[in-house]
Amino acid sequence: MSPTFDPIVIIPARLEARRLPGKPLAEMAGEAMIVHVWRRAQEAEVGPVVVACGETEIAEVVEAAGGRAVLTRPDHPSGSDRVWEALRAVDPDGRHQAVVNLQGDLPLIEPAAIRAVLEPLTEPAVDIATLVAEIVDDDERSDPNVVKAALALESGARSGRALYFSRATVPAGEGPHYHHIGIYAYRREALERFVGLPPAALEKRERLEQLRALEAGMRIDGALVDTVPFGVDTPADLERARQLLARRGG
């Protein structure tokens, strides 16, 4: 990643969650989940890290751990909107020309994956970068909870252009399928454009925000990583994450 991008990592977080209310503050290995995510982002060493908080309770635990937090409107429709508000607040002069939108429910993400999401932006035509991993579990190919990326990925390449995202099994035919990992790196102007677009027809049909960008003609490239980071969406996931962190020693 060219130093001229001067990336920043912003982690959107809010207490409201349908399946696991209060998720950012869930305790694991002695700290709130959002603090673990902040630490992983710090370890990636790609730039400053800010937590964009929907509530003061989240900001307080982040700041108590030594992190930087910014309070945003609680009613944003998406994490991307929250990231954009936070970016304008902490960087009104536009110093940071690339921003990583890192989900706040990935306490076990490898710092190398955070670094990897910036790599596609070295191609000037790319507006947005994201991550994918090859699906190795056959059940995931038909699982609607696993978002698939139809990627133009040449043999041996580590990144390629995303042509579509779907909850269905795409593309058809023989060959690899890719599990989309919902971490994004935006060029600053691309993020500004994206949050100004109205929800698109395919986005609403598939319930996938990134289709808004594709429908508007924006280019998304996916970087290939080896594994899908463990995400916390349910109480069972939370308990599993606690066990995994305990094995790592926190």
C-alpha atoms as a PDB file:
ATOM      1  CA  MET A   1       0.000   0.000   0.000  1.00  0.00           C
ATOM      2  CA  SER A   2       1.463   3.332  -1.073  1.00  0.00           C
ATOM      3  CA  PRO A   3       2.121   5.713   1.832  1.00  0.00           C
ATOM      4  CA  THR A   4       0.245   8.405  -0.101  1.00  0.00           C
ATOM      5  CA  PHE A   5      -2.991   6.644   0.874  1.00  0.00           C
ATOM      6  CA  ASP A   6      -2.253   7.165   4.576  1.00  0.00           C
ATOM      7  CA  PRO A   7      -4.885   4.608   5.612  1.00  0.00           C
ATOM      8  CA  ILE A   8      -7.066   4.777   8.699  1.00  0.00           C
ATOM      9  CA  VAL A   9      -9.028   1.914  10.274  1.00  0.00           C
ATOM     10  CA  ILE A  10     -12.514   2.710  11.563  1.00  0.00           C
ATOM     11  CA  ILE A  11     -14.531   0.137  13.500  1.00  0.00           C
ATOM     12  CA  PRO A  12     -18.287   0.865  13.597  1.00  0.00           C
ATOM     13  CA  ALA A  13     -20.044  -0.387  16.731  1.00  0.00           C
ATOM     14  CA  ARG A  14     -23.525  -0.120  18.220  1.00  0.00           C
ATOM     15  CA  LEU A  15     -25.275  -1.864  21.070  1.00  0.00           C
ATOM     16  CA  GLU A  16     -28.406  -2.833  19.147  1.00  0.00           C
ATOM     17  CA  ALA A  17     -28.078  -6.295  17.636  1.00  0.00           C
ATOM     18  CA  ARG A  18     -30.977  -8.574  16.797  1.00  0.00           C
ATOM     19  CA  ARG A  19     -29.407 -11.877  17.833  1.00  0.00           C
ATOM     20  CA  LEU A  20     -26.948 -10.669  20.479  1.00  0.00           C
ATOM     21  CA  PRO A  21     -27.922  -7.327  22.086  1.00  0.00           C
ATOM     22  CA  GLY A  22     -25.030  -5.389  23.594  1.00  0.00           C
ATOM     23  CA  LYS A  23     -22.561  -7.383  21.494  1.00  0.00           C
ATOM     24  CA  PRO A  24     -19.638  -4.874  21.488  1.00  0.00           C
ATOM     25  CA  LEU A  25     -19.509  -4.934  25.280  1.00  0.00           C
ATOM     26  CA  ALA A  26     -19.682  -8.728  25.637  1.00  0.00           C
ATOM     27  CA  GLU A  27     -16.857  -9.825  27.917  1.00  0.00           C
ATOM     28  CA  MET A  28     -14.206 -12.249  26.681  1.00  0.00           C
ATOM     29  CA  ALA A  29     -10.798 -12.912  28.205  1.00  0.00           C
ATOM     30  CA  GLY A  30     -11.354 -10.065  30.643  1.00  0.00           C
ATOM     31  CA  GLU A  31     -12.139  -7.349  28.090  1.00  0.00           C
ATOM     32  CA  ALA A  32     -15.054  -6.199  25.937  1.00  0.00           C
ATOM     33  CA  MET A  33     -15.209  -7.688  22.453  1.00  0.00           C
ATOM     34  CA  ILE A  34     -14.810  -4.273  20.831  1.00  0.00           C
ATOM     35  CA  VAL A  35     -11.502  -3.825  22.682  1.00  0.00           C
ATOM     36  CA  HIS A  36     -10.193  -7.107  21.244  1.00  0.00           C
ATOM     37  CA  VAL A  37     -11.104  -5.946  17.726  1.00  0.00           C
ATOM     38  CA  TRP A  38      -9.404  -2.596  18.362  1.00  0.00           C
ATOM     39  CA  ARG A  39      -6.271  -4.430  19.506  1.00  0.00           C
ATOM     40  CA  ARG A  40      -6.193  -6.593  16.350  1.00  0.00           C
ATOM     41  CA  ALA A  41      -6.444  -3.427  14.241  1.00  0.00           C
ATOM     42  CA  GLN A  42      -3.619  -1.813  16.209  1.00  0.00           C
ATOM     43  CA  GLU A  43      -1.476  -4.900  15.636  1.00  0.00           C
ATOM     44  CA  ALA A  44      -2.033  -4.622  11.866  1.00  0.00           C
ATOM     45  CA  GLU A  45      -0.071  -1.338  11.920  1.00  0.00           C
ATOM     46  CA  VAL A  46      -1.675   0.105   8.791  1.00  0.00           C
ATOM     47  CA  GLY A  47      -2.613   3.444  10.342  1.00  0.00           C
ATOM     48  CA  PRO A  48      -4.530   5.022  13.209  1.00  0.00           C
ATOM     49  CA  VAL A  49      -7.516   3.116  14.582  1.00  0.00           C
ATOM     50  CA  VAL A  50     -10.798   4.727  15.626  1.00  0.00           C
ATOM     51  CA  VAL A  51     -13.952   3.115  16.999  1.00  0.00           C
ATOM     52  CA  ALA A  52     -17.105   4.800  15.662  1.00  0.00           C
ATOM     53  CA  CYS A  53     -19.578   4.356  18.506  1.00  0.00           C
ATOM     54  CA  GLY A  54     -23.346   4.516  18.434  1.00  0.00           C
ATOM     55  CA  GLU A  55     -23.506   4.873  22.224  1.00  0.00           C
ATOM     56  CA  THR A  56     -21.393   6.426  24.978  1.00  0.00           C
ATOM     57  CA  GLU A  57     -21.039   3.079  26.767  1.00  0.00           C
ATOM     58  CA  ILE A  58     -18.913   1.740  23.898  1.00  0.00           C
ATOM     59  CA  ALA A  59     -16.777   4.880  23.763  1.00  0.00           C
ATOM     60  CA  GLU A  60     -16.074   4.651  27.481  1.00  0.00           C
ATOM     61  CA  VAL A  61     -14.711   1.094  27.383  1.00  0.00           C
ATOM     62  CA  VAL A  62     -12.570   1.825  24.309  1.00  0.00           C
ATOM     63  CA  GLU A  63     -11.064   4.938  25.865  1.00  0.00           C
ATOM     64  CA  ALA A  64     -10.487   3.123  29.176  1.00  0.00           C
ATOM     65  CA  ALA A  65      -8.395   0.581  27.234  1.00  0.00           C
ATOM     66  CA  GLY A  66      -6.340   3.379  25.686  1.00  0.00           C
ATOM     67  CA  GLY A  67      -8.126   3.537  22.341  1.00  0.00           C
ATOM     68  CA  ARG A  68      -9.643   6.414  20.410  1.00  0.00           C
ATOM     69  CA  ALA A  69     -13.415   6.576  20.061  1.00  0.00           C
ATOM     70  CA  VAL A  70     -15.797   8.995  18.381  1.00  0.00           C
ATOM     71  CA  LEU A  71     -19.505   9.204  19.126  1.00  0.00           C
ATOM     72  CA  THR A  72     -21.774   9.019  16.071  1.00  0.00           C
ATOM     73  CA  ARG A  73     -25.514   9.139  15.469  1.00  0.00           C
ATOM     74  CA  PRO A  74     -27.175   6.030  16.894  1.00  0.00           C
ATOM     75  CA  ASP A  75     -29.627   5.665  13.998  1.00  0.00           C
ATOM     76  CA  HIS A  76     -27.304   5.091  11.025  1.00  0.00           C
ATOM     77  CA  PRO A  77     -28.752   2.504   8.595  1.00  0.00           C
ATOM     78  CA  SER A  78     -25.379   0.828   8.053  1.00  0.00           C
ATOM     79  CA  GLY A  79     -21.835   0.576   9.311  1.00  0.00           C
ATOM     80  CA  SER A  80     -20.603   2.390   6.203  1.00  0.00           C
ATOM     81  CA  ASP A  81     -22.666   5.460   7.096  1.00  0.00           C
ATOM     82  CA  ARG A  82     -21.273   5.375  10.636  1.00  0.00           C
ATOM     83  CA  VAL A  83     -17.715   5.090   9.290  1.00  0.00           C
ATOM     84  CA  TRP A  84     -18.237   8.083   6.994  1.00  0.00           C
ATOM     85  CA  GLU A  85     -19.520  10.262   9.844  1.00  0.00           C
ATOM     86  CA  ALA A  86     -16.564   9.259  12.018  1.00  0.00           C
ATOM     87  CA  LEU A  87     -14.050   9.852   9.209  1.00  0.00           C
ATOM     88  CA  ARG A  88     -15.288  13.396   8.668  1.00  0.00           C
ATOM     89  CA  ALA A  89     -15.128  14.060  12.405  1.00  0.00           C
ATOM     90  CA  VAL A  90     -11.579  12.808  12.974  1.00  0.00           C
ATOM     91  CA  ASP A  91     -10.108  13.833   9.607  1.00  0.00           C
ATOM     92  CA  PRO A  92     -11.947  16.879   8.264  1.00  0.00           C
ATOM     93  CA  ASP A  93      -8.945  17.924   6.142  1.00  0.00           C
ATOM     94  CA  GLY A  94      -8.862  14.690   4.126  1.00  0.00           C
ATOM     95  CA  ARG A  95      -5.409  13.463   5.125  1.00  0.00           C
ATOM     96  CA  HIS A  96      -6.497   9.804   5.028  1.00  0.00           C
ATOM     97  CA  GLN A  97      -7.291   8.774   1.468  1.00  0.00           C
ATOM     98  CA  ALA A  98      -8.043   5.133   2.273  1.00  0.00           C
ATOM     99  CA  VAL A  99     -10.289   3.879   5.061  1.00  0.00           C
ATOM    100  CA  VAL A 100     -10.734   0.318   6.314  1.00  0.00           C
ATOM    101  CA  ASN A 101     -14.228  -0.491   7.561  1.00  0.00           C
ATOM    102  CA  LEU A 102     -13.560  -3.281  10.063  1.00  0.00           C
ATOM    103  CA  GLN A 103     -16.514  -5.089  11.646  1.00  0.00           C
ATOM    104  CA  GLY A 104     -16.635  -4.891  15.415  1.00  0.00           C
ATOM    105  CA  ASP A 105     -17.563  -8.565  15.857  1.00  0.00           C
ATOM    106  CA  LEU A 106     -14.287 -10.114  14.678  1.00  0.00           C
ATOM    107  CA  PRO A 107     -12.228 -10.406  17.878  1.00  0.00           C
ATOM    108  CA  LEU A 108     -10.079 -13.195  16.403  1.00  0.00           C
ATOM    109  CA  ILE A 109      -9.206 -11.612  13.061  1.00  0.00           C
ATOM    110  CA  GLU A 110      -5.575 -11.910  12.073  1.00  0.00           C
ATOM    111  CA  PRO A 111      -3.791  -8.565  11.637  1.00  0.00           C
ATOM    112  CA  ALA A 112      -2.458  -9.861   8.306  1.00  0.00           C
ATOM    113  CA  ALA A 113      -6.033 -10.004   6.968  1.00  0.00           C
ATOM    114  CA  ILE A 114      -6.539  -6.337   7.834  1.00  0.00           C
ATOM    115  CA  ARG A 115      -3.389  -5.500   5.918  1.00  0.00           C
ATOM    116  CA  ALA A 116      -4.464  -7.664   2.986  1.00  0.00           C
ATOM    117  CA  VAL A 117      -7.708  -5.766   2.381  1.00  0.00           C
ATOM    118  CA  LEU A 118      -5.747  -2.673   1.357  1.00  0.00           C
ATOM    119  CA  GLU A 119      -3.728  -4.411  -1.352  1.00  0.00           C
ATOM    120  CA  PRO A 120      -6.298  -4.185  -4.200  1.00  0.00           C
ATOM    121  CA  LEU A 121      -6.327  -0.396  -3.859  1.00  0.00           C
ATOM    122  CA  THR A 122      -2.844  -0.307  -5.390  1.00  0.00           C
ATOM    123  CA  GLU A 123      -4.710  -0.773  -8.698  1.00  0.00           C
ATOM    124  CA  PRO A 124      -5.920   2.766  -9.581  1.00  0.00           C
ATOM    125  CA  ALA A 125      -9.195   1.560 -11.119  1.00  0.00           C
ATOM    126  CA  VAL A 126     -10.369  -0.112  -7.895  1.00  0.00           C
ATOM    127  CA  ASP A 127     -12.857   1.885  -5.806  1.00  0.00           C
ATOM    128  CA  ILE A 128     -13.463  -0.585  -2.996  1.00  0.00           C
ATOM    129  CA  ALA A 129     -11.494  -3.609  -1.785  1.00  0.00           C
ATOM    130  CA  THR A 130     -12.707  -6.545   0.263  1.00  0.00           C
ATOM    131  CA  LEU A 131     -11.641 -10.054   1.292  1.00  0.00           C
ATOM    132  CA  VAL A 132     -12.581 -13.556   0.158  1.00  0.00           C
ATOM    133  CA  ALA A 133     -11.561 -17.082   1.115  1.00  0.00           C
ATOM    134  CA  GLU A 134     -12.068 -20.235  -0.919  1.00  0.00           C
ATOM    135  CA  ILE A 135     -14.973 -22.361   0.319  1.00  0.00           C
ATOM    136  CA  VAL A 136     -13.770 -25.771   1.474  1.00  0.00           C
ATOM    137  CA  ASP A 137     -16.928 -26.929   3.284  1.00  0.00           C
ATOM    138  CA  ASP A 138     -19.464 -28.115   0.702  1.00  0.00           C
ATOM    139  CA  ASP A 139     -22.387 -27.162   2.958  1.00  0.00           C
ATOM    140  CA  GLU A 140     -21.353 -23.512   2.761  1.00  0.00           C
ATOM    141  CA  ARG A 141     -21.901 -23.433  -0.998  1.00  0.00           C
ATOM    142  CA  SER A 142     -25.677 -23.660  -0.540  1.00  0.00           C
ATOM    143  CA  ASP A 143     -25.954 -21.891   2.832  1.00  0.00           C
ATOM    144  CA  PRO A 144     -27.764 -18.551   2.331  1.00  0.00           C
ATOM    145  CA  ASN A 145     -26.027 -17.180   5.416  1.00  0.00           C
ATOM    146  CA  VAL A 146     -22.698 -17.525   3.610  1.00  0.00           C
ATOM    147  CA  VAL A 147     -22.340 -14.751   1.053  1.00  0.00           C
ATOM    148  CA  LYS A 148     -20.578 -15.859  -2.100  1.00  0.00           C
ATOM    149  CA  ALA A 149     -18.423 -13.605  -4.287  1.00  0.00           C
ATOM    150  CA  ALA A 150     -18.292 -14.241  -8.029  1.00  0.00           C
ATOM    151  CA  LEU A 151     -14.696 -13.245  -8.582  1.00  0.00           C
ATOM    152  CA  ALA A 152     -12.707 -12.915 -11.797  1.00  0.00           C
ATOM    153  CA  LEU A 153      -9.642 -14.519 -10.256  1.00  0.00           C
ATOM    154  CA  GLU A 154      -6.903 -15.840 -12.515  1.00  0.00           C
ATOM    155  CA  SER A 155      -5.104 -19.045 -11.543  1.00  0.00           C
ATOM    156  CA  GLY A 156      -2.375 -18.215  -9.041  1.00  0.00           C
ATOM    157  CA  ALA A 157      -3.572 -14.653  -8.494  1.00  0.00           C
ATOM    158  CA  ARG A 158      -4.256 -13.304  -4.996  1.00  0.00           C
ATOM    159  CA  SER A 159      -6.893 -10.754  -5.983  1.00  0.00           C
ATOM    160  CA  GLY A 160      -9.521 -10.279  -8.660  1.00  0.00           C
ATOM    161  CA  ARG A 161     -12.485  -8.206  -9.696  1.00  0.00           C
ATOM    162  CA  ALA A 162     -15.806  -8.956  -8.012  1.00  0.00           C
ATOM    163  CA  LEU A 163     -18.574  -9.256 -10.592  1.00  0.00           C
ATOM    164  CA  TYR A 164     -21.401 -10.159  -8.210  1.00  0.00           C
ATOM    165  CA  PHE A 165     -22.210 -11.141  -4.624  1.00  0.00           C
ATOM    166  CA  SER A 166     -25.033 -13.480  -3.725  1.00  0.00           C
ATOM    167  CA  ARG A 167     -26.520 -15.687  -1.030  1.00  0.00           C
ATOM    168  CA  ALA A 168     -27.071 -18.232  -3.789  1.00  0.00           C
ATOM    169  CA  THR A 169     -24.345 -20.521  -5.141  1.00  0.00           C
ATOM    170  CA  VAL A 170     -22.535 -18.481  -7.778  1.00  0.00           C
ATOM    171  CA  PRO A 171     -21.043 -18.968 -10.262  1.00  0.00           C
ATOM    172  CA  ALA A 172     -22.465 -22.154 -11.768  1.00  0.00           C
ATOM    173  CA  GLY A 173     -20.263 -24.920 -13.121  1.00  0.00           C
ATOM    174  CA  GLU A 174     -17.063 -26.528 -11.934  1.00  0.00           C
ATOM    175  CA  GLY A 175     -14.464 -24.530 -10.109  1.00  0.00           C
ATOM    176  CA  PRO A 176     -13.836 -22.791  -6.794  1.00  0.00           C
ATOM    177  CA  HIS A 177     -16.397 -20.742  -4.888  1.00  0.00           C
ATOM    178  CA  TYR A 178     -15.427 -17.872  -2.639  1.00  0.00           C
ATOM    179  CA  HIS A 179     -16.765 -16.962   0.789  1.00  0.00           C
ATOM    180  CA  HIS A 180     -17.101 -13.182   1.048  1.00  0.00           C
ATOM    181  CA  ILE A 181     -15.637 -11.647   4.199  1.00  0.00           C
ATOM    182  CA  GLY A 182     -17.375  -8.380   5.063  1.00  0.00           C
ATOM    183  CA  ILE A 183     -14.346  -6.155   5.584  1.00  0.00           C
ATOM    184  CA  TYR A 184     -13.864  -3.244   3.196  1.00  0.00           C
ATOM    185  CA  ALA A 185     -11.192  -0.744   2.248  1.00  0.00           C
ATOM    186  CA  TYR A 186     -12.529   2.335   0.464  1.00  0.00           C
ATOM    187  CA  ARG A 187     -10.863   5.131  -1.352  1.00  0.00           C
ATOM    188  CA  ARG A 188     -12.118   8.167   0.504  1.00  0.00           C
ATOM    189  CA  GLU A 189     -13.996   9.552  -2.496  1.00  0.00           C
ATOM    190  CA  ALA A 190     -15.545   6.133  -3.132  1.00  0.00           C
ATOM    191  CA  LEU A 191     -16.904   5.955   0.422  1.00  0.00           C
ATOM    192  CA  GLU A 192     -18.352   9.447   0.107  1.00  0.00           C
ATOM    193  CA  ARG A 193     -20.050   8.485  -3.149  1.00  0.00           C
ATOM    194  CA  PHE A 194     -21.289   5.171  -1.801  1.00  0.00           C
ATOM    195  CA  VAL A 195     -23.049   6.547   1.272  1.00  0.00           C
ATOM    196  CA  GLY A 196     -24.756   9.146  -0.927  1.00  0.00           C
ATOM    197  CA  LEU A 197     -26.340   6.514  -3.176  1.00  0.00           C
ATOM    198  CA  PRO A 198     -29.909   5.324  -2.573  1.00  0.00           C
ATOM    199  CA  PRO A 199     -30.441   1.619  -1.786  1.00  0.00           C
ATOM    200  CA  ALA A 200     -30.456  -0.389  -5.020  1.00  0.00           C
ATOM    201  CA  ALA A 201     -32.926  -2.996  -6.245  1.00  0.00           C
ATOM    202  CA  LEU A 202     -30.513  -5.943  -6.077  1.00  0.00           C
ATOM    203  CA  GLU A 203     -29.193  -4.776  -2.715  1.00  0.00           C
ATOM    204  CA  LYS A 204     -32.694  -4.933  -1.260  1.00  0.00           C
ATOM    205  CA  ARG A 205     -33.428  -8.270  -2.908  1.00  0.00           C
ATOM    206  CA  GLU A 206     -30.246 -10.016  -1.714  1.00  0.00           C
ATOM    207  CA  ARG A 207     -29.872  -7.928   1.467  1.00  0.00           C
ATOM    208  CA  LEU A 208     -26.274  -7.170   0.476  1.00  0.00           C
ATOM    209  CA  GLU A 209     -25.096  -3.578   0.715  1.00  0.00           C
ATOM    210  CA  GLN A 210     -22.144  -4.019  -1.653  1.00  0.00           C
ATOM    211  CA  LEU A 211     -24.506  -4.585  -4.597  1.00  0.00           C
ATOM    212  CA  ARG A 212     -25.399  -0.895  -4.385  1.00  0.00           C
ATOM    213  CA  ALA A 213     -21.832  -0.080  -5.369  1.00  0.00           C
ATOM    214  CA  LEU A 214     -21.758  -2.576  -8.235  1.00  0.00           C
ATOM    215  CA  GLU A 215     -25.099  -1.386  -9.589  1.00  0.00           C
ATOM    216  CA  ALA A 216     -23.730   2.168  -9.596  1.00  0.00           C
ATOM    217  CA  GLY A 217     -20.739   1.055 -11.684  1.00  0.00           C
ATOM    218  CA  MET A 218     -18.156   1.124  -8.911  1.00  0.00           C
ATOM    219  CA  ARG A 219     -15.368  -1.431  -9.022  1.00  0.00           C
ATOM    220  CA  ILE A 220     -14.841  -3.840  -6.128  1.00  0.00           C
ATOM    221  CA  ASP A 221     -11.849  -6.170  -6.015  1.00  0.00           C
ATOM    222  CA  GLY A 222     -11.424  -9.057  -3.576  1.00  0.00           C
ATOM    223  CA  ALA A 223      -8.143 -10.109  -1.999  1.00  0.00           C
ATOM    224  CA  LEU A 224      -7.787 -13.822  -1.315  1.00  0.00           C
ATOM    225  CA  VAL A 225      -6.913 -14.893   2.233  1.00  0.00           C
ATOM    226  CA  ASP A 226      -6.511 -18.391   3.599  1.00  0.00           C
ATOM    227  CA  THR A 227      -9.246 -18.496   6.241  1.00  0.00           C
ATOM    228  CA  VAL A 228     -12.529 -16.833   7.183  1.00  0.00           C
ATOM    229  CA  PRO A 229     -12.170 -14.967  10.496  1.00  0.00           C
ATOM    230  CA  PHE A 230     -14.492 -16.176  13.228  1.00  0.00           C
ATOM    231  CA  GLY A 231     -17.397 -13.758  13.654  1.00  0.00           C
ATOM    232  CA  VAL A 232     -19.668 -13.389  16.686  1.00  0.00           C
ATOM    233  CA  ASP A 233     -23.387 -13.170  15.897  1.00  0.00           C
ATOM    234  CA  THR A 234     -25.080 -15.408  18.472  1.00  0.00           C
ATOM    235  CA  PRO A 235     -24.654 -16.419  22.119  1.00  0.00           C
ATOM    236  CA  ALA A 236     -23.158 -19.715  20.903  1.00  0.00           C
ATOM    237  CA  ASP A 237     -20.621 -17.808  18.786  1.00  0.00           C
ATOM    238  CA  LEU A 238     -19.729 -15.701  21.811  1.00  0.00           C
ATOM    239  CA  GLU A 239     -19.008 -18.748  23.932  1.00  0.00           C
ATOM    240  CA  ARG A 240     -16.920 -20.260  21.140  1.00  0.00           C
ATOM    241  CA  ALA A 241     -14.924 -17.024  20.780  1.00  0.00           C
ATOM    242  CA  ARG A 242     -14.270 -17.001  24.528  1.00  0.00           C
ATOM    243  CA  GLN A 243     -12.892 -20.533  24.309  1.00  0.00           C
ATOM    244  CA  LEU A 244     -10.669 -19.696  21.349  1.00  0.00           C
ATOM    245  CA  LEU A 245      -9.308 -16.567  23.023  1.00  0.00           C
ATOM    246  CA  ALA A 246      -8.616 -18.530  26.197  1.00  0.00           C
ATOM    247  CA  ARG A 247      -6.538 -21.002  24.163  1.00  0.00           C
ATOM    248  CA  ARG A 248      -4.579 -18.098  22.691  1.00  0.00           C
ATOM    249  CA  GLY A 249      -3.985 -16.667  26.116  1.00  0.00           C
ATOM    250  CA  GLY A 250      -6.312 -13.699  25.487  1.00  0.00           C
END
